[in-house]
Amino acid sequence: MSLKKVFQLLYCIQLLIFLVPSFAEDDSVVITSQFGDNLETHFQTGIDLQGKDLPFFAKEDCELVFVNKKRPNSIRYSGGNLILLQNRTSNLRYYYSGIADNSYDERILNYSQGEFIGLAGNSGINNKETLHVELENVESHKLLNPALFFDMPDTKKPVINDLFFIDIHNQEISLFKSKRVIRGGKLFIKCCDYINDSSSALMPYQIDVFINGEEFCSLNFESMDKKNKTFYLSESEKDFFALYQINSPNVFFLKEQYFLPGLLGIKVVVKDFAGNSKSYITSFRVLPN
């Protein structure tokens, strides 16, 4: 192992987080899918990280709830090798899957905080070494965004690519290009976040919209609730099909609203998990039919 890799590993351990990859300039560790991502028919309910020989550790004292080890010549299913751990005090349950063969000991019943668990692998359906992580509060039954527990180097602001209405004539009206909208319609935003030394487009943490200085709508990717076998973003109560009405990367539905004719001011603030934010402020005129 190179000296650079040793320092990265020590950095991970000292933070005492269940998984904190150190993002190298060559993108040796890459977030390939993030909490809330569009997986065509459903939300991503965890986070996928890809990296060769990527270790992960227990965030807190945990006990084993369930373990599955892929057997020789067995059918490869999506999860592959998996471990389910829980802390009875915090009520947090940690789900790790895709773990590398022979990198963990399924006989261990208890893990101490900071203790090594295993390595990312390709025991699931991924061909490259990938670790899938999910986090649940078993008391509130909320799925939590694992990114809340990361300490990724991030001084970059989120990016707002577009803000647009789909009007009553099903026409897309970008507020980056036009300042006139017929009555209003469905408001969408195209935005994403980037962290230091990585080219991967990531989900934002929160999106807030204000019209004429008053809160209009908000999206938060901190947690999800499950109702009737369907996941919803906790704050907005949007399910998958409500949020991703347009099948395009990083495009989110915000709110449908129709206005009286007049001039309106709009401000959008996009925040990431490190506290960086990006704002876009403009005005648009609402026209009658």
Foldseek 3Di string as FASTA:
>chain_A
DDPVVVVQVVVQLVLLFQFEGAQDLVRQKDWPFFAQFCPPPFTQLATKIFHPFGWGAASAKWFWDDWDADDPPDDAAAFFTKTWIADPPQQKIKIKGQFAPPFADPVDGIGHGSHTGGGFHRRHPDPGRMITMWMARNVVRKTFTSVLRYDYAFPDAKDWDWKWFLAPVRDTGTPVVAQEGAQTFWIKTAIFGDGPSDPDTHHFAKKWKDKPRHTDWMAGSGIWHADPNFIARVPRRDTSCQFPVDPDPRMGTTDTGGDDWDKMKMKMWTHHSVGHIDMDIDMHTHDYD
